[in-house]
Amino acid sequence: MVGYLVSVQQLYAIDASRRAFVVSEDAGATWASTSAQRHTWAASQGADYVPVVPVPWLQGAGLTSAPPVPPYVVAGWAGMQRRNVFFPNSLE
């Protein structure tokens, strides 16, 4: 995923071959190819376009996890995965 155009609820991504842009208007249930120019236009829409934020993958022997403590669970943004693209619950 490369970004989200809020006003029309469109997700933009790069297809599996990494050669073309795709767009979804139903929170990622279906995808259609689109032009690089359409994505460039969407990305130029200022605050209406939300680009993705890369999250680095960290590995290390000192990294451990534990079950979340209830006061620290943010249910509205719990992650879910659909077809290798991550979405916040609010798009579901």
PDB file of N, CA and C in Angstrom:
ATOM      1  N   MET A   1       0.843  -1.163   0.000  1.00  0.00           N
ATOM      2  CA  MET A   1       0.000   0.000   0.000  1.00  0.00           C
ATOM      3  C   MET A   1       0.894   1.233   0.000  1.00  0.00           C
ATOM      4  N   VAL A   2       0.503   2.238  -0.780  1.00  0.00           N
ATOM      5  CA  VAL A   2       1.299   3.464  -0.822  1.00  0.00           C
ATOM      6  C   VAL A   2       0.543   4.665  -0.270  1.00  0.00           C
ATOM      7  N   GLY A   3      -0.787   4.612  -0.214  1.00  0.00           N
ATOM      8  CA  GLY A   3      -1.522   5.740   0.335  1.00  0.00           C
ATOM      9  C   GLY A   3      -3.023   5.553   0.286  1.00  0.00           C
ATOM     10  N   TYR A   4      -3.716   6.528   0.899  1.00  0.00           N
ATOM     11  CA  TYR A   4      -5.180   6.492   1.022  1.00  0.00           C
ATOM     12  C   TYR A   4      -5.720   7.878   0.735  1.00  0.00           C
ATOM     13  N   LEU A   5      -6.655   7.988  -0.211  1.00  0.00           N
ATOM     14  CA  LEU A   5      -7.302   9.256  -0.539  1.00  0.00           C
ATOM     15  C   LEU A   5      -8.611   9.308   0.245  1.00  0.00           C
ATOM     16  N   VAL A   6      -8.630  10.106   1.310  1.00  0.00           N
ATOM     17  CA  VAL A   6      -9.704  10.101   2.296  1.00  0.00           C
ATOM     18  C   VAL A   6     -11.061  10.457   1.711  1.00  0.00           C
ATOM     19  N   SER A   7     -11.159  11.539   0.947  1.00  0.00           N
ATOM     20  CA  SER A   7     -12.462  12.052   0.502  1.00  0.00           C
ATOM     21  C   SER A   7     -13.258  11.059  -0.326  1.00  0.00           C
ATOM     22  N   VAL A   8     -12.583  10.196  -1.062  1.00  0.00           N
ATOM     23  CA  VAL A   8     -13.286   9.215  -1.899  1.00  0.00           C
ATOM     24  C   VAL A   8     -13.004   7.779  -1.462  1.00  0.00           C
ATOM     25  N   GLN A   9     -12.337   7.617  -0.322  1.00  0.00           N
ATOM     26  CA  GLN A   9     -12.040   6.310   0.267  1.00  0.00           C
ATOM     27  C   GLN A   9     -11.378   5.360  -0.725  1.00  0.00           C
ATOM     28  N   GLN A  10     -10.289   5.811  -1.319  1.00  0.00           N
ATOM     29  CA  GLN A  10      -9.534   4.995  -2.265  1.00  0.00           C
ATOM     30  C   GLN A  10      -8.182   4.628  -1.684  1.00  0.00           C
ATOM     31  N   LEU A  11      -7.866   3.351  -1.717  1.00  0.00           N
ATOM     32  CA  LEU A  11      -6.552   2.857  -1.318  1.00  0.00           C
ATOM     33  C   LEU A  11      -5.706   2.715  -2.571  1.00  0.00           C
ATOM     34  N   TYR A  12      -4.456   3.136  -2.498  1.00  0.00           N
ATOM     35  CA  TYR A  12      -3.515   2.971  -3.607  1.00  0.00           C
ATOM     36  C   TYR A  12      -2.398   2.042  -3.163  1.00  0.00           C
ATOM     37  N   ALA A  13      -1.985   1.158  -4.057  1.00  0.00           N
ATOM     38  CA  ALA A  13      -0.924   0.199  -3.757  1.00  0.00           C
ATOM     39  C   ALA A  13      -0.141  -0.091  -5.028  1.00  0.00           C
ATOM     40  N   ILE A  14       0.943  -0.824  -4.861  1.00  0.00           N
ATOM     41  CA  ILE A  14       1.716  -1.307  -5.997  1.00  0.00           C
ATOM     42  C   ILE A  14       1.432  -2.798  -6.104  1.00  0.00           C
ATOM     43  N   ASP A  15       1.199  -3.269  -7.325  1.00  0.00           N
ATOM     44  CA  ASP A  15       0.812  -4.673  -7.491  1.00  0.00           C
ATOM     45  C   ASP A  15       1.974  -5.618  -7.166  1.00  0.00           C
ATOM     46  N   ALA A  16       1.669  -6.896  -7.116  1.00  0.00           N
ATOM     47  CA  ALA A  16       2.637  -7.911  -6.706  1.00  0.00           C
ATOM     48  C   ALA A  16       3.883  -7.940  -7.593  1.00  0.00           C
ATOM     49  N   SER A  17       3.740  -7.573  -8.864  1.00  0.00           N
ATOM     50  CA  SER A  17       4.899  -7.571  -9.761  1.00  0.00           C
ATOM     51  C   SER A  17       5.777  -6.338  -9.544  1.00  0.00           C
ATOM     52  N   ARG A  18       5.281  -5.391  -8.760  1.00  0.00           N
ATOM     53  CA  ARG A  18       5.962  -4.115  -8.484  1.00  0.00           C
ATOM     54  C   ARG A  18       6.188  -3.290  -9.746  1.00  0.00           C
ATOM     55  N   ARG A  19       5.271  -3.440 -10.702  1.00  0.00           N
ATOM     56  CA  ARG A  19       5.393  -2.709 -11.965  1.00  0.00           C
ATOM     57  C   ARG A  19       4.241  -1.747 -12.215  1.00  0.00           C
ATOM     58  N   ALA A  20       3.161  -1.853 -11.442  1.00  0.00           N
ATOM     59  CA  ALA A  20       1.975  -1.042 -11.729  1.00  0.00           C
ATOM     60  C   ALA A  20       1.264  -0.637 -10.441  1.00  0.00           C
ATOM     61  N   PHE A  21       0.527   0.461 -10.532  1.00  0.00           N
ATOM     62  CA  PHE A  21      -0.308   0.898  -9.417  1.00  0.00           C
ATOM     63  C   PHE A  21      -1.673   0.239  -9.516  1.00  0.00           C
ATOM     64  N   VAL A  22      -2.271  -0.022  -8.356  1.00  0.00           N
ATOM     65  CA  VAL A  22      -3.638  -0.529  -8.279  1.00  0.00           C
ATOM     66  C   VAL A  22      -4.400   0.350  -7.286  1.00  0.00           C
ATOM     67  N   VAL A  23      -5.730   0.371  -7.448  1.00  0.00           N
ATOM     68  CA  VAL A  23      -6.582   1.180  -6.578  1.00  0.00           C
ATOM     69  C   VAL A  23      -7.759   0.326  -6.115  1.00  0.00           C
ATOM     70  N   SER A  24      -8.199   0.559  -4.884  1.00  0.00           N
ATOM     71  CA  SER A  24      -9.362  -0.137  -4.339  1.00  0.00           C
ATOM     72  C   SER A  24     -10.326   0.892  -3.776  1.00  0.00           C
ATOM     73  N   GLU A  25     -11.606   0.708  -4.064  1.00  0.00           N
ATOM     74  CA  GLU A  25     -12.638   1.598  -3.536  1.00  0.00           C
ATOM     75  C   GLU A  25     -13.524   0.875  -2.525  1.00  0.00           C
ATOM     76  N   ASP A  26     -13.115  -0.349  -2.117  1.00  0.00           N
ATOM     77  CA  ASP A  26     -13.913  -1.120  -1.154  1.00  0.00           C
ATOM     78  C   ASP A  26     -13.019  -1.703  -0.059  1.00  0.00           C
ATOM     79  N   ALA A  27     -12.133  -0.860   0.468  1.00  0.00           N
ATOM     80  CA  ALA A  27     -11.240  -1.221   1.583  1.00  0.00           C
ATOM     81  C   ALA A  27     -10.359  -2.422   1.290  1.00  0.00           C
ATOM     82  N   GLY A  28     -10.013  -2.626   0.035  1.00  0.00           N
ATOM     83  CA  GLY A  28      -9.090  -3.688  -0.329  1.00  0.00           C
ATOM     84  C   GLY A  28      -9.712  -5.014  -0.699  1.00  0.00           C
ATOM     85  N   ALA A  29     -11.038  -5.095  -0.744  1.00  0.00           N
ATOM     86  CA  ALA A  29     -11.684  -6.356  -1.140  1.00  0.00           C
ATOM     87  C   ALA A  29     -11.404  -6.664  -2.606  1.00  0.00           C
ATOM     88  N   THR A  30     -11.425  -5.634  -3.451  1.00  0.00           N
ATOM     89  CA  THR A  30     -11.099  -5.806  -4.870  1.00  0.00           C
ATOM     90  C   THR A  30     -10.137  -4.698  -5.288  1.00  0.00           C
ATOM     91  N   TRP A  31      -9.346  -4.985  -6.296  1.00  0.00           N
ATOM     92  CA  TRP A  31      -8.342  -4.034  -6.792  1.00  0.00           C
ATOM     93  C   TRP A  31      -8.457  -3.922  -8.301  1.00  0.00           C
ATOM     94  N   ALA A  32      -8.181  -2.741  -8.826  1.00  0.00           N
ATOM     95  CA  ALA A  32      -8.159  -2.512 -10.274  1.00  0.00           C
ATOM     96  C   ALA A  32      -6.877  -1.761 -10.604  1.00  0.00           C
ATOM     97  N   SER A  33      -6.322  -2.040 -11.771  1.00  0.00           N
ATOM     98  CA  SER A  33      -5.109  -1.323 -12.158  1.00  0.00           C
ATOM     99  C   SER A  33      -5.446   0.135 -12.430  1.00  0.00           C
ATOM    100  N   THR A  34      -4.476   0.985 -12.211  1.00  0.00           N
ATOM    101  CA  THR A  34      -4.646   2.415 -12.448  1.00  0.00           C
ATOM    102  C   THR A  34      -3.325   2.969 -12.953  1.00  0.00           C
ATOM    103  N   SER A  35      -3.345   4.171 -13.452  1.00  0.00           N
ATOM    104  CA  SER A  35      -2.129   4.756 -14.014  1.00  0.00           C
ATOM    105  C   SER A  35      -1.293   5.432 -12.933  1.00  0.00           C
ATOM    106  N   ALA A  36      -0.015   5.545 -13.228  1.00  0.00           N
ATOM    107  CA  ALA A  36       0.879   6.271 -12.325  1.00  0.00           C
ATOM    108  C   ALA A  36       0.438   7.728 -12.221  1.00  0.00           C
ATOM    109  N   GLN A  37      -0.117   8.278 -13.311  1.00  0.00           N
ATOM    110  CA  GLN A  37      -0.581   9.662 -13.302  1.00  0.00           C
ATOM    111  C   GLN A  37      -1.741   9.847 -12.329  1.00  0.00           C
ATOM    112  N   ARG A  38      -2.652   8.861 -12.252  1.00  0.00           N
ATOM    113  CA  ARG A  38      -3.776   8.962 -11.318  1.00  0.00           C
ATOM    114  C   ARG A  38      -3.266   8.949  -9.885  1.00  0.00           C
ATOM    115  N   HIS A  39      -2.290   8.082  -9.598  1.00  0.00           N
ATOM    116  CA  HIS A  39      -1.719   8.065  -8.248  1.00  0.00           C
ATOM    117  C   HIS A  39      -0.997   9.376  -7.958  1.00  0.00           C
ATOM    118  N   THR A  40      -0.250   9.901  -8.916  1.00  0.00           N
ATOM    119  CA  THR A  40       0.444  11.178  -8.725  1.00  0.00           C
ATOM    120  C   THR A  40      -0.554  12.280  -8.415  1.00  0.00           C
ATOM    121  N   TRP A  41      -1.687  12.300  -9.144  1.00  0.00           N
ATOM    122  CA  TRP A  41      -2.731  13.289  -8.868  1.00  0.00           C
ATOM    123  C   TRP A  41      -3.277  13.107  -7.457  1.00  0.00           C
ATOM    124  N   ALA A  42      -3.580  11.867  -7.058  1.00  0.00           N
ATOM    125  CA  ALA A  42      -4.117  11.608  -5.715  1.00  0.00           C
ATOM    126  C   ALA A  42      -3.124  12.074  -4.649  1.00  0.00           C
ATOM    127  N   ALA A  43      -1.845  11.773  -4.859  1.00  0.00           N
ATOM    128  CA  ALA A  43      -0.818  12.146  -3.886  1.00  0.00           C
ATOM    129  C   ALA A  43      -0.630  13.658  -3.799  1.00  0.00           C
ATOM    130  N   SER A  44      -1.077  14.390  -4.815  1.00  0.00           N
ATOM    131  CA  SER A  44      -0.932  15.855  -4.803  1.00  0.00           C
ATOM    132  C   SER A  44      -2.099  16.556  -4.114  1.00  0.00           C
ATOM    133  N   GLN A  45      -3.016  15.810  -3.533  1.00  0.00           N
ATOM    134  CA  GLN A  45      -4.215  16.399  -2.940  1.00  0.00           C
ATOM    135  C   GLN A  45      -4.023  16.889  -1.503  1.00  0.00           C
ATOM    136  N   GLY A  46      -2.803  17.078  -1.088  1.00  0.00           N
ATOM    137  CA  GLY A  46      -2.516  17.647   0.226  1.00  0.00           C
ATOM    138  C   GLY A  46      -2.959  16.755   1.367  1.00  0.00           C
ATOM    139  N   ALA A  47      -3.633  17.348   2.349  1.00  0.00           N
ATOM    140  CA  ALA A  47      -4.026  16.622   3.560  1.00  0.00           C
ATOM    141  C   ALA A  47      -5.072  15.546   3.285  1.00  0.00           C
ATOM    142  N   ASP A  48      -5.716  15.588   2.115  1.00  0.00           N
ATOM    143  CA  ASP A  48      -6.714  14.566   1.774  1.00  0.00           C
ATOM    144  C   ASP A  48      -6.065  13.219   1.464  1.00  0.00           C
ATOM    145  N   TYR A  49      -4.781  13.233   1.121  1.00  0.00           N
ATOM    146  CA  TYR A  49      -4.044  12.005   0.800  1.00  0.00           C
ATOM    147  C   TYR A  49      -3.153  11.646   1.985  1.00  0.00           C
ATOM    148  N   VAL A  50      -3.286  10.419   2.454  1.00  0.00           N
ATOM    149  CA  VAL A  50      -2.488   9.960   3.592  1.00  0.00           C
ATOM    150  C   VAL A  50      -1.492   8.925   3.085  1.00  0.00           C
ATOM    151  N   PRO A  51      -0.197   9.265   3.033  1.00  0.00           N
ATOM    152  CA  PRO A  51       0.790   8.283   2.580  1.00  0.00           C
ATOM    153  C   PRO A  51       1.069   7.261   3.676  1.00  0.00           C
ATOM    154  N   VAL A  52       1.580   6.112   3.265  1.00  0.00           N
ATOM    155  CA  VAL A  52       1.934   5.088   4.246  1.00  0.00           C
ATOM    156  C   VAL A  52       3.172   5.524   5.019  1.00  0.00           C
ATOM    157  N   VAL A  53       3.325   4.951   6.172  1.00  0.00           N
ATOM    158  CA  VAL A  53       4.505   5.201   6.992  1.00  0.00           C
ATOM    159  C   VAL A  53       5.255   3.880   7.121  1.00  0.00           C
ATOM    160  N   PRO A  54       6.453   3.781   6.555  1.00  0.00           N
ATOM    161  CA  PRO A  54       7.208   2.532   6.668  1.00  0.00           C
ATOM    162  C   PRO A  54       7.530   2.234   8.137  1.00  0.00           C
ATOM    163  N   VAL A  55       7.326   1.003   8.521  1.00  0.00           N
ATOM    164  CA  VAL A  55       7.658   0.564   9.877  1.00  0.00           C
ATOM    165  C   VAL A  55       8.774  -0.459   9.744  1.00  0.00           C
ATOM    166  N   PRO A  56       9.949  -0.159  10.283  1.00  0.00           N
ATOM    167  CA  PRO A  56      11.068  -1.101  10.121  1.00  0.00           C
ATOM    168  C   PRO A  56      10.844  -2.382  10.904  1.00  0.00           C
ATOM    169  N   TRP A  57      11.384  -3.466  10.391  1.00  0.00           N
ATOM    170  CA  TRP A  57      11.320  -4.754  11.060  1.00  0.00           C
ATOM    171  C   TRP A  57      12.580  -4.891  11.900  1.00  0.00           C
ATOM    172  N   LEU A  58      12.400  -5.136  13.178  1.00  0.00           N
ATOM    173  CA  LEU A  58      13.536  -5.277  14.075  1.00  0.00           C
ATOM    174  C   LEU A  58      13.627  -6.704  14.579  1.00  0.00           C
ATOM    175  N   GLN A  59      14.837  -7.216  14.646  1.00  0.00           N
ATOM    176  CA  GLN A  59      15.063  -8.534  15.209  1.00  0.00           C
ATOM    177  C   GLN A  59      16.188  -8.422  16.223  1.00  0.00           C
ATOM    178  N   GLY A  60      16.080  -9.188  17.275  1.00  0.00           N
ATOM    179  CA  GLY A  60      17.140  -9.194  18.271  1.00  0.00           C
ATOM    180  C   GLY A  60      16.778 -10.103  19.417  1.00  0.00           C
ATOM    181  N   ALA A  61      17.792 -10.650  20.033  1.00  0.00           N
ATOM    182  CA  ALA A  61      17.559 -11.577  21.135  1.00  0.00           C
ATOM    183  C   ALA A  61      16.885 -10.888  22.312  1.00  0.00           C
ATOM    184  N   GLY A  62      17.102  -9.587  22.469  1.00  0.00           N
ATOM    185  CA  GLY A  62      16.521  -8.864  23.592  1.00  0.00           C
ATOM    186  C   GLY A  62      15.089  -8.415  23.380  1.00  0.00           C
ATOM    187  N   LEU A  63      14.539  -8.608  22.172  1.00  0.00           N
ATOM    188  CA  LEU A  63      13.167  -8.186  21.899  1.00  0.00           C
ATOM    189  C   LEU A  63      12.203  -9.292  22.300  1.00  0.00           C
ATOM    190  N   THR A  64      11.319  -8.996  23.226  1.00  0.00           N
ATOM    191  CA  THR A  64      10.326  -9.964  23.655  1.00  0.00           C
ATOM    192  C   THR A  64       8.969  -9.281  23.679  1.00  0.00           C
ATOM    193  N   SER A  65       7.926 -10.063  23.758  1.00  0.00           N
ATOM    194  CA  SER A  65       6.589  -9.485  23.818  1.00  0.00           C
ATOM    195  C   SER A  65       5.815 -10.147  24.943  1.00  0.00           C
ATOM    196  N   ALA A  66       4.779  -9.489  25.368  1.00  0.00           N
ATOM    197  CA  ALA A  66       3.905 -10.014  26.414  1.00  0.00           C
ATOM    198  C   ALA A  66       2.478  -9.638  26.037  1.00  0.00           C
ATOM    199  N   PRO A  67       1.490 -10.304  26.612  1.00  0.00           N
ATOM    200  CA  PRO A  67       0.105  -9.930  26.333  1.00  0.00           C
ATOM    201  C   PRO A  67      -0.133  -8.464  26.709  1.00  0.00           C
ATOM    202  N   PRO A  68      -0.901  -7.720  25.919  1.00  0.00           N
ATOM    203  CA  PRO A  68      -1.130  -6.314  26.239  1.00  0.00           C
ATOM    204  C   PRO A  68      -1.941  -6.149  27.518  1.00  0.00           C
ATOM    205  N   VAL A  69      -1.611  -5.110  28.250  1.00  0.00           N
ATOM    206  CA  VAL A  69      -2.339  -4.771  29.469  1.00  0.00           C
ATOM    207  C   VAL A  69      -3.567  -3.963  29.048  1.00  0.00           C
ATOM    208  N   PRO A  70      -4.774  -4.275  29.552  1.00  0.00           N
ATOM    209  CA  PRO A  70      -6.000  -3.616  29.092  1.00  0.00           C
ATOM    210  C   PRO A  70      -5.956  -2.095  28.936  1.00  0.00           C
ATOM    211  N   PRO A  71      -5.353  -1.311  29.853  1.00  0.00           N
ATOM    212  CA  PRO A  71      -5.369   0.139  29.628  1.00  0.00           C
ATOM    213  C   PRO A  71      -4.579   0.581  28.394  1.00  0.00           C
ATOM    214  N   TYR A  72      -3.697  -0.296  27.878  1.00  0.00           N
ATOM    215  CA  TYR A  72      -2.856   0.089  26.756  1.00  0.00           C
ATOM    216  C   TYR A  72      -3.324  -0.476  25.419  1.00  0.00           C
ATOM    217  N   VAL A  73      -4.441  -1.144  25.388  1.00  0.00           N
ATOM    218  CA  VAL A  73      -4.960  -1.708  24.149  1.00  0.00           C
ATOM    219  C   VAL A  73      -5.778  -0.641  23.438  1.00  0.00           C
ATOM    220  N   VAL A  74      -5.433  -0.350  22.190  1.00  0.00           N
ATOM    221  CA  VAL A  74      -6.175   0.625  21.393  1.00  0.00           C
ATOM    222  C   VAL A  74      -6.942  -0.165  20.344  1.00  0.00           C
ATOM    223  N   ALA A  75      -8.158  -0.549  20.654  1.00  0.00           N
ATOM    224  CA  ALA A  75      -8.928  -1.454  19.802  1.00  0.00           C
ATOM    225  C   ALA A  75      -9.249  -0.856  18.447  1.00  0.00           C
ATOM    226  N   GLY A  76      -9.468   0.456  18.353  1.00  0.00           N
ATOM    227  CA  GLY A  76      -9.831   1.064  17.074  1.00  0.00           C
ATOM    228  C   GLY A  76      -8.750   0.955  16.021  1.00  0.00           C
ATOM    229  N   TRP A  77      -7.497   0.746  16.425  1.00  0.00           N
ATOM    230  CA  TRP A  77      -6.408   0.650  15.462  1.00  0.00           C
ATOM    231  C   TRP A  77      -5.707  -0.692  15.514  1.00  0.00           C
ATOM    232  N   ALA A  78      -6.376  -1.689  16.050  1.00  0.00           N
ATOM    233  CA  ALA A  78      -5.794  -3.031  16.040  1.00  0.00           C
ATOM    234  C   ALA A  78      -5.624  -3.473  14.594  1.00  0.00           C
ATOM    235  N   GLY A  79      -4.489  -4.031  14.277  1.00  0.00           N
ATOM    236  CA  GLY A  79      -4.207  -4.382  12.885  1.00  0.00           C
ATOM    237  C   GLY A  79      -4.902  -5.649  12.439  1.00  0.00           C
ATOM    238  N   MET A  80      -5.205  -5.701  11.169  1.00  0.00           N
ATOM    239  CA  MET A  80      -5.691  -6.918  10.546  1.00  0.00           C
ATOM    240  C   MET A  80      -5.058  -6.975   9.169  1.00  0.00           C
ATOM    241  N   GLN A  81      -5.051  -8.136   8.575  1.00  0.00           N
ATOM    242  CA  GLN A  81      -4.399  -8.292   7.286  1.00  0.00           C
ATOM    243  C   GLN A  81      -5.361  -8.884   6.279  1.00  0.00           C
ATOM    244  N   ARG A  82      -5.359  -8.308   5.082  1.00  0.00           N
ATOM    245  CA  ARG A  82      -6.157  -8.839   3.980  1.00  0.00           C
ATOM    246  C   ARG A  82      -5.294  -8.786   2.726  1.00  0.00           C
ATOM    247  N   ARG A  83      -5.017  -9.928   2.179  1.00  0.00           N
ATOM    248  CA  ARG A  83      -4.229 -10.037   0.940  1.00  0.00           C
ATOM    249  C   ARG A  83      -2.900  -9.276   1.020  1.00  0.00           C
ATOM    250  N   ASN A  84      -2.178  -9.473   2.114  1.00  0.00           N
ATOM    251  CA  ASN A  84      -0.848  -8.885   2.301  1.00  0.00           C
ATOM    252  C   ASN A  84      -0.836  -7.367   2.367  1.00  0.00           C
ATOM    253  N   VAL A  85      -1.966  -6.743   2.662  1.00  0.00           N
ATOM    254  CA  VAL A  85      -2.028  -5.294   2.846  1.00  0.00           C
ATOM    255  C   VAL A  85      -2.679  -5.047   4.202  1.00  0.00           C
ATOM    256  N   PHE A  86      -2.077  -4.205   5.033  1.00  0.00           N
ATOM    257  CA  PHE A  86      -2.605  -3.944   6.364  1.00  0.00           C
ATOM    258  C   PHE A  86      -3.520  -2.738   6.370  1.00  0.00           C
ATOM    259  N   PHE A  87      -4.636  -2.835   7.089  1.00  0.00           N
ATOM    260  CA  PHE A  87      -5.609  -1.767   7.197  1.00  0.00           C
ATOM    261  C   PHE A  87      -5.985  -1.570   8.654  1.00  0.00           C
ATOM    262  N   PRO A  88      -6.297  -0.342   9.054  1.00  0.00           N
ATOM    263  CA  PRO A  88      -6.854  -0.163  10.392  1.00  0.00           C
ATOM    264  C   PRO A  88      -8.288  -0.689  10.425  1.00  0.00           C
ATOM    265  N   ASN A  89      -8.777  -1.068  11.597  1.00  0.00           N
ATOM    266  CA  ASN A  89     -10.139  -1.591  11.712  1.00  0.00           C
ATOM    267  C   ASN A  89     -11.185  -0.620  11.197  1.00  0.00           C
ATOM    268  N   SER A  90     -10.901   0.676  11.223  1.00  0.00           N
ATOM    269  CA  SER A  90     -11.893   1.656  10.797  1.00  0.00           C
ATOM    270  C   SER A  90     -12.239   1.550   9.314  1.00  0.00           C
ATOM    271  N   LEU A  91     -11.407   0.871   8.524  1.00  0.00           N
ATOM    272  CA  LEU A  91     -11.693   0.696   7.101  1.00  0.00           C
ATOM    273  C   LEU A  91     -12.463  -0.581   6.837  1.00  0.00           C
ATOM    274  N   GLU A  92     -12.638  -1.391   7.819  1.00  0.00           N
ATOM    275  CA  GLU A  92     -13.280  -2.683   7.632  1.00  0.00           C
ATOM    276  C   GLU A  92     -14.783  -2.536   7.580  1.00  0.00           C
TER     277      GLU A  92
END
